Amino acid sequence: MRVRADVLDRLVDQAGEVLIARSRVENHTATVKTALTDLNDNIQRLRSQMRELAIQAEAQIQARSEKLEQGSASFDPLEFDRFTRLQELTRMIAESIEDVATIQSTMVKGCRRAKATCRRSTG
């Protein structure tokens, strides 16, 4: 089979461009993977801080309730509203952390699929 030289040159050029593009995709994927690892570390730290915040908020609510039950403090309904709002905010923050973790997980799966696709395409 005969192939014209100009066609062969174009095919070689295109193959080179494909390899360069693949290398770029792999580099970008590696960068994203590193960022996702950092994100995972941040999510773990946020979860830990969130647990500590929830424990502290609950301890304050408990202590205030005990004081009110003993009758040593005057009852202020606004204080309980603040504690209720604090509990609500801690739940909202915890939900946001889980939303970010879900996004991070989806991105990790996408990186794995992209990497697998690159491997399959170059055999």
PDB file of N, CA and C in Angstrom:
ATOM      1  N   MET A   1       0.847  -1.165   0.000  1.00  0.00           N
ATOM      2  CA  MET A   1       0.000   0.000   0.000  1.00  0.00           C
ATOM      3  C   MET A   1       0.894   1.229   0.000  1.00  0.00           C
ATOM      4  N   ARG A   2       0.529   2.155  -0.827  1.00  0.00           N
ATOM      5  CA  ARG A   2       1.293   3.380  -0.938  1.00  0.00           C
ATOM      6  C   ARG A   2       0.537   4.531  -0.294  1.00  0.00           C
ATOM      7  N   VAL A   3       1.301   5.360   0.426  1.00  0.00           N
ATOM      8  CA  VAL A   3       0.735   6.542   1.057  1.00  0.00           C
ATOM      9  C   VAL A   3       1.587   7.718   0.623  1.00  0.00           C
ATOM     10  N   ARG A   4       0.908   8.763   0.199  1.00  0.00           N
ATOM     11  CA  ARG A   4       1.653   9.940  -0.236  1.00  0.00           C
ATOM     12  C   ARG A   4       2.418  10.529   0.941  1.00  0.00           C
ATOM     13  N   ALA A   5       3.540  11.110   0.669  1.00  0.00           N
ATOM     14  CA  ALA A   5       4.409  11.666   1.704  1.00  0.00           C
ATOM     15  C   ALA A   5       3.717  12.782   2.489  1.00  0.00           C
ATOM     16  N   ASP A   6       2.959  13.626   1.808  1.00  0.00           N
ATOM     17  CA  ASP A   6       2.293  14.725   2.513  1.00  0.00           C
ATOM     18  C   ASP A   6       1.213  14.207   3.471  1.00  0.00           C
ATOM     19  N   VAL A   7       0.535  13.136   3.092  1.00  0.00           N
ATOM     20  CA  VAL A   7      -0.476  12.534   3.968  1.00  0.00           C
ATOM     21  C   VAL A   7       0.210  11.913   5.186  1.00  0.00           C
ATOM     22  N   LEU A   8       1.296  11.228   4.938  1.00  0.00           N
ATOM     23  CA  LEU A   8       2.056  10.614   6.028  1.00  0.00           C
ATOM     24  C   LEU A   8       2.597  11.674   6.992  1.00  0.00           C
ATOM     25  N   ASP A   9       3.097  12.775   6.456  1.00  0.00           N
ATOM     26  CA  ASP A   9       3.584  13.880   7.300  1.00  0.00           C
ATOM     27  C   ASP A   9       2.462  14.449   8.167  1.00  0.00           C
ATOM     28  N   ARG A  10       1.277  14.629   7.570  1.00  0.00           N
ATOM     29  CA  ARG A  10       0.146  15.136   8.332  1.00  0.00           C
ATOM     30  C   ARG A  10      -0.247  14.176   9.454  1.00  0.00           C
ATOM     31  N   LEU A  11      -0.273  12.889   9.165  1.00  0.00           N
ATOM     32  CA  LEU A  11      -0.613  11.887  10.169  1.00  0.00           C
ATOM     33  C   LEU A  11       0.400  11.881  11.318  1.00  0.00           C
ATOM     34  N   VAL A  12       1.667  11.986  10.986  1.00  0.00           N
ATOM     35  CA  VAL A  12       2.705  12.041  12.020  1.00  0.00           C
ATOM     36  C   VAL A  12       2.546  13.300  12.859  1.00  0.00           C
ATOM     37  N   ASP A  13       2.267  14.439  12.221  1.00  0.00           N
ATOM     38  CA  ASP A  13       2.043  15.690  12.952  1.00  0.00           C
ATOM     39  C   ASP A  13       0.842  15.580  13.879  1.00  0.00           C
ATOM     40  N   GLN A  14      -0.235  15.008  13.384  1.00  0.00           N
ATOM     41  CA  GLN A  14      -1.440  14.858  14.202  1.00  0.00           C
ATOM     42  C   GLN A  14      -1.212  13.897  15.367  1.00  0.00           C
ATOM     43  N   ALA A  15      -0.465  12.842  15.111  1.00  0.00           N
ATOM     44  CA  ALA A  15      -0.149  11.909  16.195  1.00  0.00           C
ATOM     45  C   ALA A  15       0.669  12.617  17.274  1.00  0.00           C
ATOM     46  N   GLY A  16       1.599  13.451  16.854  1.00  0.00           N
ATOM     47  CA  GLY A  16       2.394  14.224  17.809  1.00  0.00           C
ATOM     48  C   GLY A  16       1.527  15.182  18.613  1.00  0.00           C
ATOM     49  N   GLU A  17       0.584  15.825  17.941  1.00  0.00           N
ATOM     50  CA  GLU A  17      -0.326  16.734  18.638  1.00  0.00           C
ATOM     51  C   GLU A  17      -1.205  15.983  19.634  1.00  0.00           C
ATOM     52  N   VAL A  18      -1.631  14.788  19.277  1.00  0.00           N
ATOM     53  CA  VAL A  18      -2.433  13.978  20.190  1.00  0.00           C
ATOM     54  C   VAL A  18      -1.618  13.622  21.429  1.00  0.00           C
ATOM     55  N   LEU A  19      -0.364  13.259  21.240  1.00  0.00           N
ATOM     56  CA  LEU A  19       0.494  12.929  22.384  1.00  0.00           C
ATOM     57  C   LEU A  19       0.723  14.144  23.281  1.00  0.00           C
ATOM     58  N   ILE A  20       0.911  15.290  22.666  1.00  0.00           N
ATOM     59  CA  ILE A  20       1.097  16.519  23.446  1.00  0.00           C
ATOM     60  C   ILE A  20      -0.184  16.834  24.227  1.00  0.00           C
ATOM     61  N   ALA A  21      -1.327  16.712  23.564  1.00  0.00           N
ATOM     62  CA  ALA A  21      -2.610  16.979  24.236  1.00  0.00           C
ATOM     63  C   ALA A  21      -2.811  15.990  25.380  1.00  0.00           C
ATOM     64  N   ARG A  22      -2.487  14.741  25.163  1.00  0.00           N
ATOM     65  CA  ARG A  22      -2.624  13.734  26.217  1.00  0.00           C
ATOM     66  C   ARG A  22      -1.732  14.079  27.406  1.00  0.00           C
ATOM     67  N   SER A  23      -0.536  14.503  27.136  1.00  0.00           N
ATOM     68  CA  SER A  23       0.388  14.886  28.207  1.00  0.00           C
ATOM     69  C   SER A  23      -0.168  16.061  29.004  1.00  0.00           C
ATOM     70  N   ARG A  24      -0.726  17.027  28.319  1.00  0.00           N
ATOM     71  CA  ARG A  24      -1.329  18.178  28.993  1.00  0.00           C
ATOM     72  C   ARG A  24      -2.502  17.748  29.871  1.00  0.00           C
ATOM     73  N   VAL A  25      -3.350  16.875  29.340  1.00  0.00           N
ATOM     74  CA  VAL A  25      -4.495  16.390  30.113  1.00  0.00           C
ATOM     75  C   VAL A  25      -4.005  15.655  31.360  1.00  0.00           C
ATOM     76  N   GLU A  26      -2.983  14.819  31.209  1.00  0.00           N
ATOM     77  CA  GLU A  26      -2.441  14.097  32.357  1.00  0.00           C
ATOM     78  C   GLU A  26      -1.874  15.066  33.394  1.00  0.00           C
ATOM     79  N   ASN A  27      -1.192  16.112  32.943  1.00  0.00           N
ATOM     80  CA  ASN A  27      -0.660  17.115  33.871  1.00  0.00           C
ATOM     81  C   ASN A  27      -1.779  17.847  34.602  1.00  0.00           C
ATOM     82  N   HIS A  28      -2.824  18.226  33.871  1.00  0.00           N
ATOM     83  CA  HIS A  28      -3.959  18.903  34.495  1.00  0.00           C
ATOM     84  C   HIS A  28      -4.666  17.969  35.480  1.00  0.00           C
ATOM     85  N   THR A  29      -4.794  16.716  35.100  1.00  0.00           N
ATOM     86  CA  THR A  29      -5.425  15.735  35.984  1.00  0.00           C
ATOM     87  C   THR A  29      -4.615  15.573  37.266  1.00  0.00           C
ATOM     88  N   ALA A  30      -3.312  15.535  37.146  1.00  0.00           N
ATOM     89  CA  ALA A  30      -2.452  15.418  38.331  1.00  0.00           C
ATOM     90  C   ALA A  30      -2.599  16.647  39.227  1.00  0.00           C
ATOM     91  N   THR A  31      -2.685  17.828  38.620  1.00  0.00           N
ATOM     92  CA  THR A  31      -2.871  19.056  39.394  1.00  0.00           C
ATOM     93  C   THR A  31      -4.204  19.035  40.129  1.00  0.00           C
ATOM     94  N   VAL A  32      -5.254  18.612  39.432  1.00  0.00           N
ATOM     95  CA  VAL A  32      -6.579  18.531  40.057  1.00  0.00           C
ATOM     96  C   VAL A  32      -6.552  17.490  41.177  1.00  0.00           C
ATOM     97  N   LYS A  33      -5.885  16.383  40.941  1.00  0.00           N
ATOM     98  CA  LYS A  33      -5.802  15.336  41.968  1.00  0.00           C
ATOM     99  C   LYS A  33      -5.116  15.869  43.230  1.00  0.00           C
ATOM    100  N   THR A  34      -4.061  16.633  43.061  1.00  0.00           N
ATOM    101  CA  THR A  34      -3.381  17.237  44.211  1.00  0.00           C
ATOM    102  C   THR A  34      -4.309  18.202  44.942  1.00  0.00           C
ATOM    103  N   ALA A  35      -5.021  19.018  44.181  1.00  0.00           N
ATOM    104  CA  ALA A  35      -5.967  19.963  44.790  1.00  0.00           C
ATOM    105  C   ALA A  35      -7.076  19.217  45.533  1.00  0.00           C
ATOM    106  N   LEU A  36      -7.526  18.107  44.976  1.00  0.00           N
ATOM    107  CA  LEU A  36      -8.570  17.320  45.637  1.00  0.00           C
ATOM    108  C   LEU A  36      -8.063  16.689  46.927  1.00  0.00           C
ATOM    109  N   THR A  37      -6.804  16.298  46.942  1.00  0.00           N
ATOM    110  CA  THR A  37      -6.213  15.767  48.177  1.00  0.00           C
ATOM    111  C   THR A  37      -6.179  16.856  49.245  1.00  0.00           C
ATOM    112  N   ASP A  38      -5.777  18.060  48.849  1.00  0.00           N
ATOM    113  CA  ASP A  38      -5.791  19.193  49.778  1.00  0.00           C
ATOM    114  C   ASP A  38      -7.207  19.483  50.258  1.00  0.00           C
ATOM    115  N   LEU A  39      -8.155  19.428  49.349  1.00  0.00           N
ATOM    116  CA  LEU A  39      -9.548  19.657  49.701  1.00  0.00           C
ATOM    117  C   LEU A  39     -10.028  18.609  50.704  1.00  0.00           C
ATOM    118  N   ASN A  40      -9.636  17.370  50.485  1.00  0.00           N
ATOM    119  CA  ASN A  40     -10.011  16.310  51.418  1.00  0.00           C
ATOM    120  C   ASN A  40      -9.465  16.594  52.817  1.00  0.00           C
ATOM    121  N   ASP A  41      -8.211  17.029  52.881  1.00  0.00           N
ATOM    122  CA  ASP A  41      -7.619  17.373  54.178  1.00  0.00           C
ATOM    123  C   ASP A  41      -8.396  18.498  54.851  1.00  0.00           C
ATOM    124  N   ASN A  42      -8.783  19.504  54.064  1.00  0.00           N
ATOM    125  CA  ASN A  42      -9.560  20.626  54.610  1.00  0.00           C
ATOM    126  C   ASN A  42     -10.936  20.173  55.090  1.00  0.00           C
ATOM    127  N   ILE A  43     -11.555  19.279  54.347  1.00  0.00           N
ATOM    128  CA  ILE A  43     -12.865  18.769  54.759  1.00  0.00           C
ATOM    129  C   ILE A  43     -12.741  18.038  56.084  1.00  0.00           C
ATOM    130  N   GLN A  44     -11.702  17.222  56.231  1.00  0.00           N
ATOM    131  CA  GLN A  44     -11.507  16.495  57.487  1.00  0.00           C
ATOM    132  C   GLN A  44     -11.302  17.464  58.645  1.00  0.00           C
ATOM    133  N   ARG A  45     -10.519  18.519  58.405  1.00  0.00           N
ATOM    134  CA  ARG A  45     -10.285  19.519  59.442  1.00  0.00           C
ATOM    135  C   ARG A  45     -11.589  20.241  59.796  1.00  0.00           C
ATOM    136  N   LEU A  46     -12.370  20.597  58.789  1.00  0.00           N
ATOM    137  CA  LEU A  46     -13.660  21.251  59.034  1.00  0.00           C
ATOM    138  C   LEU A  46     -14.605  20.348  59.818  1.00  0.00           C
ATOM    139  N   ARG A  47     -14.625  19.077  59.487  1.00  0.00           N
ATOM    140  CA  ARG A  47     -15.475  18.140  60.238  1.00  0.00           C
ATOM    141  C   ARG A  47     -15.064  18.095  61.708  1.00  0.00           C
ATOM    142  N   SER A  48     -13.777  18.062  61.941  1.00  0.00           N
ATOM    143  CA  SER A  48     -13.276  18.030  63.312  1.00  0.00           C
ATOM    144  C   SER A  48     -13.662  19.308  64.055  1.00  0.00           C
ATOM    145  N   GLN A  49     -13.473  20.447  63.407  1.00  0.00           N
ATOM    146  CA  GLN A  49     -13.832  21.720  64.019  1.00  0.00           C
ATOM    147  C   GLN A  49     -15.346  21.813  64.235  1.00  0.00           C
ATOM    148  N   MET A  50     -16.104  21.272  63.323  1.00  0.00           N
ATOM    149  CA  MET A  50     -17.559  21.288  63.450  1.00  0.00           C
ATOM    150  C   MET A  50     -17.995  20.454  64.641  1.00  0.00           C
ATOM    151  N   ARG A  51     -17.383  19.282  64.820  1.00  0.00           N
ATOM    152  CA  ARG A  51     -17.709  18.453  65.984  1.00  0.00           C
ATOM    153  C   ARG A  51     -17.400  19.209  67.272  1.00  0.00           C
ATOM    154  N   GLU A  52     -16.247  19.867  67.314  1.00  0.00           N
ATOM    155  CA  GLU A  52     -15.863  20.637  68.501  1.00  0.00           C
ATOM    156  C   GLU A  52     -16.845  21.776  68.754  1.00  0.00           C
ATOM    157  N   LEU A  53     -17.245  22.482  67.694  1.00  0.00           N
ATOM    158  CA  LEU A  53     -18.220  23.573  67.833  1.00  0.00           C
ATOM    159  C   LEU A  53     -19.549  23.044  68.362  1.00  0.00           C
ATOM    160  N   ALA A  54     -20.004  21.925  67.813  1.00  0.00           N
ATOM    161  CA  ALA A  54     -21.271  21.349  68.269  1.00  0.00           C
ATOM    162  C   ALA A  54     -21.192  20.937  69.734  1.00  0.00           C
ATOM    163  N   ILE A  55     -20.066  20.363  70.132  1.00  0.00           N
ATOM    164  CA  ILE A  55     -19.886  19.950  71.535  1.00  0.00           C
ATOM    165  C   ILE A  55     -19.895  21.170  72.444  1.00  0.00           C
ATOM    166  N   GLN A  56     -19.186  22.214  72.047  1.00  0.00           N
ATOM    167  CA  GLN A  56     -19.133  23.437  72.856  1.00  0.00           C
ATOM    168  C   GLN A  56     -20.510  24.093  72.952  1.00  0.00           C
ATOM    169  N   ALA A  57     -21.221  24.156  71.849  1.00  0.00           N
ATOM    170  CA  ALA A  57     -22.560  24.759  71.855  1.00  0.00           C
ATOM    171  C   ALA A  57     -23.488  23.965  72.762  1.00  0.00           C
ATOM    172  N   GLU A  58     -23.431  22.655  72.650  1.00  0.00           N
ATOM    173  CA  GLU A  58     -24.289  21.808  73.478  1.00  0.00           C
ATOM    174  C   GLU A  58     -23.944  21.959  74.955  1.00  0.00           C
ATOM    175  N   ALA A  59     -22.656  22.072  75.265  1.00  0.00           N
ATOM    176  CA  ALA A  59     -22.231  22.254  76.657  1.00  0.00           C
ATOM    177  C   ALA A  59     -22.754  23.579  77.214  1.00  0.00           C
ATOM    178  N   GLN A  60     -22.696  24.632  76.397  1.00  0.00           N
ATOM    179  CA  GLN A  60     -23.209  25.927  76.857  1.00  0.00           C
ATOM    180  C   GLN A  60     -24.710  25.885  77.078  1.00  0.00           C
ATOM    181  N   ILE A  61     -25.414  25.237  76.178  1.00  0.00           N
ATOM    182  CA  ILE A  61     -26.863  25.116  76.330  1.00  0.00           C
ATOM    183  C   ILE A  61     -27.188  24.324  77.592  1.00  0.00           C
ATOM    184  N   GLN A  62     -26.475  23.248  77.799  1.00  0.00           N
ATOM    185  CA  GLN A  62     -26.699  22.403  78.979  1.00  0.00           C
ATOM    186  C   GLN A  62     -26.440  23.188  80.263  1.00  0.00           C
ATOM    187  N   ALA A  63     -25.329  23.913  80.286  1.00  0.00           N
ATOM    188  CA  ALA A  63     -24.985  24.683  81.483  1.00  0.00           C
ATOM    189  C   ALA A  63     -26.045  25.750  81.758  1.00  0.00           C
ATOM    190  N   ARG A  64     -26.499  26.421  80.720  1.00  0.00           N
ATOM    191  CA  ARG A  64     -27.514  27.466  80.894  1.00  0.00           C
ATOM    192  C   ARG A  64     -28.837  26.861  81.371  1.00  0.00           C
ATOM    193  N   SER A  65     -29.184  25.710  80.832  1.00  0.00           N
ATOM    194  CA  SER A  65     -30.416  25.040  81.257  1.00  0.00           C
ATOM    195  C   SER A  65     -30.354  24.655  82.721  1.00  0.00           C
ATOM    196  N   GLU A  66     -29.214  24.159  83.142  1.00  0.00           N
ATOM    197  CA  GLU A  66     -29.050  23.771  84.548  1.00  0.00           C
ATOM    198  C   GLU A  66     -29.180  24.985  85.471  1.00  0.00           C
ATOM    199  N   LYS A  67     -28.606  26.101  85.067  1.00  0.00           N
ATOM    200  CA  LYS A  67     -28.730  27.318  85.875  1.00  0.00           C
ATOM    201  C   LYS A  67     -30.184  27.754  85.991  1.00  0.00           C
ATOM    202  N   LEU A  68     -30.893  27.670  84.878  1.00  0.00           N
ATOM    203  CA  LEU A  68     -32.307  28.074  84.906  1.00  0.00           C
ATOM    204  C   LEU A  68     -33.131  27.133  85.765  1.00  0.00           C
ATOM    205  N   GLU A  69     -32.816  25.849  85.704  1.00  0.00           N
ATOM    206  CA  GLU A  69     -33.560  24.884  86.522  1.00  0.00           C
ATOM    207  C   GLU A  69     -33.318  25.116  88.015  1.00  0.00           C
ATOM    208  N   GLN A  70     -32.131  25.536  88.355  1.00  0.00           N
ATOM    209  CA  GLN A  70     -31.810  25.797  89.756  1.00  0.00           C
ATOM    210  C   GLN A  70     -32.400  27.116  90.231  1.00  0.00           C
ATOM    211  N   GLY A  71     -32.878  27.907  89.294  1.00  0.00           N
ATOM    212  CA  GLY A  71     -33.508  29.166  89.654  1.00  0.00           C
ATOM    213  C   GLY A  71     -32.523  30.255  90.012  1.00  0.00           C
ATOM    214  N   SER A  72     -31.234  30.033  89.752  1.00  0.00           N
ATOM    215  CA  SER A  72     -30.242  31.040  90.116  1.00  0.00           C
ATOM    216  C   SER A  72     -30.086  32.107  89.045  1.00  0.00           C
ATOM    217  N   ALA A  73     -30.741  31.923  87.920  1.00  0.00           N
ATOM    218  CA  ALA A  73     -30.633  32.917  86.850  1.00  0.00           C
ATOM    219  C   ALA A  73     -32.031  33.301  86.391  1.00  0.00           C
ATOM    220  N   SER A  74     -32.138  34.517  85.941  1.00  0.00           N
ATOM    221  CA  SER A  74     -33.445  34.940  85.432  1.00  0.00           C
ATOM    222  C   SER A  74     -33.617  34.379  84.020  1.00  0.00           C
ATOM    223  N   PHE A  75     -34.831  34.049  83.680  1.00  0.00           N
ATOM    224  CA  PHE A  75     -35.135  33.443  82.387  1.00  0.00           C
ATOM    225  C   PHE A  75     -35.239  34.525  81.324  1.00  0.00           C
ATOM    226  N   ASP A  76     -34.479  34.358  80.280  1.00  0.00           N
ATOM    227  CA  ASP A  76     -34.539  35.272  79.144  1.00  0.00           C
ATOM    228  C   ASP A  76     -34.828  34.438  77.894  1.00  0.00           C
ATOM    229  N   PRO A  77     -36.043  34.503  77.360  1.00  0.00           N
ATOM    230  CA  PRO A  77     -36.381  33.681  76.195  1.00  0.00           C
ATOM    231  C   PRO A  77     -35.485  33.961  74.989  1.00  0.00           C
ATOM    232  N   LEU A  78     -34.941  35.152  74.894  1.00  0.00           N
ATOM    233  CA  LEU A  78     -34.061  35.471  73.771  1.00  0.00           C
ATOM    234  C   LEU A  78     -32.772  34.656  73.821  1.00  0.00           C
ATOM    235  N   GLU A  79     -32.323  34.314  75.034  1.00  0.00           N
ATOM    236  CA  GLU A  79     -31.121  33.489  75.140  1.00  0.00           C
ATOM    237  C   GLU A  79     -31.351  32.127  74.506  1.00  0.00           C
ATOM    238  N   PHE A  80     -32.518  31.546  74.760  1.00  0.00           N
ATOM    239  CA  PHE A  80     -32.807  30.249  74.158  1.00  0.00           C
ATOM    240  C   PHE A  80     -32.947  30.367  72.647  1.00  0.00           C
ATOM    241  N   ASP A  81     -33.456  31.495  72.171  1.00  0.00           N
ATOM    242  CA  ASP A  81     -33.509  31.720  70.728  1.00  0.00           C
ATOM    243  C   ASP A  81     -32.108  31.747  70.137  1.00  0.00           C
ATOM    244  N   ARG A  82     -31.170  32.377  70.853  1.00  0.00           N
ATOM    245  CA  ARG A  82     -29.785  32.418  70.380  1.00  0.00           C
ATOM    246  C   ARG A  82     -29.193  31.021  70.338  1.00  0.00           C
ATOM    247  N   PHE A  83     -29.439  30.232  71.389  1.00  0.00           N
ATOM    248  CA  PHE A  83     -28.916  28.867  71.411  1.00  0.00           C
ATOM    249  C   PHE A  83     -29.550  28.027  70.313  1.00  0.00           C
ATOM    250  N   THR A  84     -30.836  28.215  70.105  1.00  0.00           N
ATOM    251  CA  THR A  84     -31.516  27.484  69.034  1.00  0.00           C
ATOM    252  C   THR A  84     -30.921  27.867  67.689  1.00  0.00           C
ATOM    253  N   ARG A  85     -30.671  29.151  67.499  1.00  0.00           N
ATOM    254  CA  ARG A  85     -30.057  29.625  66.248  1.00  0.00           C
ATOM    255  C   ARG A  85     -28.654  29.055  66.112  1.00  0.00           C
ATOM    256  N   LEU A  86     -27.894  28.980  67.200  1.00  0.00           N
ATOM    257  CA  LEU A  86     -26.553  28.403  67.158  1.00  0.00           C
ATOM    258  C   LEU A  86     -26.613  26.943  66.734  1.00  0.00           C
ATOM    259  N   GLN A  87     -27.561  26.199  67.280  1.00  0.00           N
ATOM    260  CA  GLN A  87     -27.720  24.802  66.888  1.00  0.00           C
ATOM    261  C   GLN A  87     -28.101  24.700  65.404  1.00  0.00           C
ATOM    262  N   GLU A  88     -28.969  25.584  64.977  1.00  0.00           N
ATOM    263  CA  GLU A  88     -29.394  25.596  63.577  1.00  0.00           C
ATOM    264  C   GLU A  88     -28.198  25.890  62.663  1.00  0.00           C
ATOM    265  N   LEU A  89     -27.390  26.866  63.047  1.00  0.00           N
ATOM    266  CA  LEU A  89     -26.211  27.206  62.241  1.00  0.00           C
ATOM    267  C   LEU A  89     -25.203  26.067  62.203  1.00  0.00           C
ATOM    268  N   THR A  90     -24.997  25.404  63.326  1.00  0.00           N
ATOM    269  CA  THR A  90     -24.049  24.284  63.323  1.00  0.00           C
ATOM    270  C   THR A  90     -24.551  23.164  62.411  1.00  0.00           C
ATOM    271  N   ARG A  91     -25.841  22.912  62.410  1.00  0.00           N
ATOM    272  CA  ARG A  91     -26.398  21.892  61.502  1.00  0.00           C
ATOM    273  C   ARG A  91     -26.223  22.319  60.044  1.00  0.00           C
ATOM    274  N   MET A  92     -26.469  23.596  59.762  1.00  0.00           N
ATOM    275  CA  MET A  92     -26.327  24.092  58.392  1.00  0.00           C
ATOM    276  C   MET A  92     -24.872  23.994  57.924  1.00  0.00           C
ATOM    277  N   ILE A  93     -23.947  24.341  58.800  1.00  0.00           N
ATOM    278  CA  ILE A  93     -22.529  24.244  58.446  1.00  0.00           C
ATOM    279  C   ILE A  93     -22.153  22.782  58.210  1.00  0.00           C
ATOM    280  N   ALA A  94     -22.633  21.890  59.054  1.00  0.00           N
ATOM    281  CA  ALA A  94     -22.349  20.462  58.880  1.00  0.00           C
ATOM    282  C   ALA A  94     -22.889  19.961  57.539  1.00  0.00           C
ATOM    283  N   GLU A  95     -24.081  20.405  57.165  1.00  0.00           N
ATOM    284  CA  GLU A  95     -24.640  20.026  55.873  1.00  0.00           C
ATOM    285  C   GLU A  95     -23.797  20.572  54.726  1.00  0.00           C
ATOM    286  N   SER A  96     -23.322  21.799  54.861  1.00  0.00           N
ATOM    287  CA  SER A  96     -22.477  22.391  53.823  1.00  0.00           C
ATOM    288  C   SER A  96     -21.169  21.622  53.676  1.00  0.00           C
ATOM    289  N   ILE A  97     -20.608  21.214  54.794  1.00  0.00           N
ATOM    290  CA  ILE A  97     -19.371  20.423  54.752  1.00  0.00           C
ATOM    291  C   ILE A  97     -19.623  19.126  53.990  1.00  0.00           C
ATOM    292  N   GLU A  98     -20.743  18.485  54.265  1.00  0.00           N
ATOM    293  CA  GLU A  98     -21.069  17.233  53.569  1.00  0.00           C
ATOM    294  C   GLU A  98     -21.328  17.476  52.085  1.00  0.00           C
ATOM    295  N   ASP A  99     -21.935  18.616  51.741  1.00  0.00           N
ATOM    296  CA  ASP A  99     -22.131  18.954  50.324  1.00  0.00           C
ATOM    297  C   ASP A  99     -20.792  19.109  49.620  1.00  0.00           C
ATOM    298  N   VAL A 100     -19.855  19.803  50.254  1.00  0.00           N
ATOM    299  CA  VAL A 100     -18.522  19.973  49.677  1.00  0.00           C
ATOM    300  C   VAL A 100     -17.826  18.618  49.550  1.00  0.00           C
ATOM    301  N   ALA A 101     -17.983  17.769  50.543  1.00  0.00           N
ATOM    302  CA  ALA A 101     -17.382  16.433  50.490  1.00  0.00           C
ATOM    303  C   ALA A 101     -17.961  15.623  49.330  1.00  0.00           C
ATOM    304  N   THR A 102     -19.253  15.772  49.071  1.00  0.00           N
ATOM    305  CA  THR A 102     -19.883  15.071  47.953  1.00  0.00           C
ATOM    306  C   THR A 102     -19.328  15.571  46.623  1.00  0.00           C
ATOM    307  N   ILE A 103     -19.169  16.875  46.501  1.00  0.00           N
ATOM    308  CA  ILE A 103     -18.591  17.456  45.284  1.00  0.00           C
ATOM    309  C   ILE A 103     -17.165  16.946  45.094  1.00  0.00           C
ATOM    310  N   GLN A 104     -16.398  16.930  46.182  1.00  0.00           N
ATOM    311  CA  GLN A 104     -15.019  16.444  46.122  1.00  0.00           C
ATOM    312  C   GLN A 104     -14.984  14.993  45.667  1.00  0.00           C
ATOM    313  N   SER A 105     -15.871  14.180  46.190  1.00  0.00           N
ATOM    314  CA  SER A 105     -15.936  12.768  45.820  1.00  0.00           C
ATOM    315  C   SER A 105     -16.275  12.607  44.336  1.00  0.00           C
ATOM    316  N   THR A 106     -17.210  13.407  43.861  1.00  0.00           N
ATOM    317  CA  THR A 106     -17.580  13.366  42.445  1.00  0.00           C
ATOM    318  C   THR A 106     -16.405  13.757  41.565  1.00  0.00           C
ATOM    319  N   MET A 107     -15.653  14.762  41.995  1.00  0.00           N
ATOM    320  CA  MET A 107     -14.486  15.196  41.223  1.00  0.00           C
ATOM    321  C   MET A 107     -13.401  14.127  41.210  1.00  0.00           C
ATOM    322  N   VAL A 108     -13.197  13.445  42.324  1.00  0.00           N
ATOM    323  CA  VAL A 108     -12.212  12.359  42.375  1.00  0.00           C
ATOM    324  C   VAL A 108     -12.601  11.271  41.387  1.00  0.00           C
ATOM    325  N   LYS A 109     -13.875  10.904  41.371  1.00  0.00           N
ATOM    326  CA  LYS A 109     -14.343   9.878  40.431  1.00  0.00           C
ATOM    327  C   LYS A 109     -14.132  10.332  38.995  1.00  0.00           C
ATOM    328  N   GLY A 110     -14.395  11.607  38.718  1.00  0.00           N
ATOM    329  CA  GLY A 110     -14.180  12.149  37.378  1.00  0.00           C
ATOM    330  C   GLY A 110     -12.724  12.083  36.966  1.00  0.00           C
ATOM    331  N   CYS A 111     -11.818  12.382  37.898  1.00  0.00           N
ATOM    332  CA  CYS A 111     -10.381  12.296  37.602  1.00  0.00           C
ATOM    333  C   CYS A 111      -9.979  10.856  37.300  1.00  0.00           C
ATOM    334  N   ARG A 112     -10.520   9.927  38.078  1.00  0.00           N
ATOM    335  CA  ARG A 112     -10.210   8.509  37.836  1.00  0.00           C
ATOM    336  C   ARG A 112     -10.692   8.079  36.452  1.00  0.00           C
ATOM    337  N   ARG A 113     -11.909   8.510  36.089  1.00  0.00           N
ATOM    338  CA  ARG A 113     -12.438   8.154  34.768  1.00  0.00           C
ATOM    339  C   ARG A 113     -11.589   8.780  33.657  1.00  0.00           C
ATOM    340  N   ALA A 114     -11.183  10.036  33.844  1.00  0.00           N
ATOM    341  CA  ALA A 114     -10.351  10.709  32.838  1.00  0.00           C
ATOM    342  C   ALA A 114      -9.015   9.986  32.683  1.00  0.00           C
ATOM    343  N   LYS A 115      -8.430   9.601  33.796  1.00  0.00           N
ATOM    344  CA  LYS A 115      -7.155   8.891  33.744  1.00  0.00           C
ATOM    345  C   LYS A 115      -7.308   7.539  33.055  1.00  0.00           C
ATOM    346  N   ALA A 116      -8.377   6.829  33.383  1.00  0.00           N
ATOM    347  CA  ALA A 116      -8.628   5.538  32.758  1.00  0.00           C
ATOM    348  C   ALA A 116      -8.874   5.692  31.266  1.00  0.00           C
ATOM    349  N   THR A 117      -9.587   6.753  30.878  1.00  0.00           N
ATOM    350  CA  THR A 117      -9.858   7.005  29.466  1.00  0.00           C
ATOM    351  C   THR A 117      -8.564   7.282  28.709  1.00  0.00           C
ATOM    352  N   CYS A 118      -7.674   8.064  29.321  1.00  0.00           N
ATOM    353  CA  CYS A 118      -6.377   8.351  28.692  1.00  0.00           C
ATOM    354  C   CYS A 118      -5.580   7.062  28.497  1.00  0.00           C
ATOM    355  N   ARG A 119      -5.609   6.206  29.495  1.00  0.00           N
ATOM    356  CA  ARG A 119      -4.869   4.934  29.389  1.00  0.00           C
ATOM    357  C   ARG A 119      -5.431   4.063  28.273  1.00  0.00           C
ATOM    358  N   ARG A 120      -6.769   3.988  28.205  1.00  0.00           N
ATOM    359  CA  ARG A 120      -7.388   3.150  27.170  1.00  0.00           C
ATOM    360  C   ARG A 120      -7.139   3.702  25.783  1.00  0.00           C
ATOM    361  N   SER A 121      -7.153   5.032  25.648  1.00  0.00           N
ATOM    362  CA  SER A 121      -7.020   5.626  24.319  1.00  0.00           C
ATOM    363  C   SER A 121      -5.625   5.484  23.738  1.00  0.00           C
ATOM    364  N   THR A 122      -4.630   5.314  24.587  1.00  0.00           N
ATOM    365  CA  THR A 122      -3.263   5.178  24.082  1.00  0.00           C
ATOM    366  C   THR A 122      -2.774   3.750  24.137  1.00  0.00           C
ATOM    367  N   GLY A 123      -3.596   2.885  24.739  1.00  0.00           N
ATOM    368  CA  GLY A 123      -3.330   1.458  24.765  1.00  0.00           C
ATOM    369  C   GLY A 123      -2.086   1.177  25.464  1.00  0.00           C
TER     370      GLY A 123
END
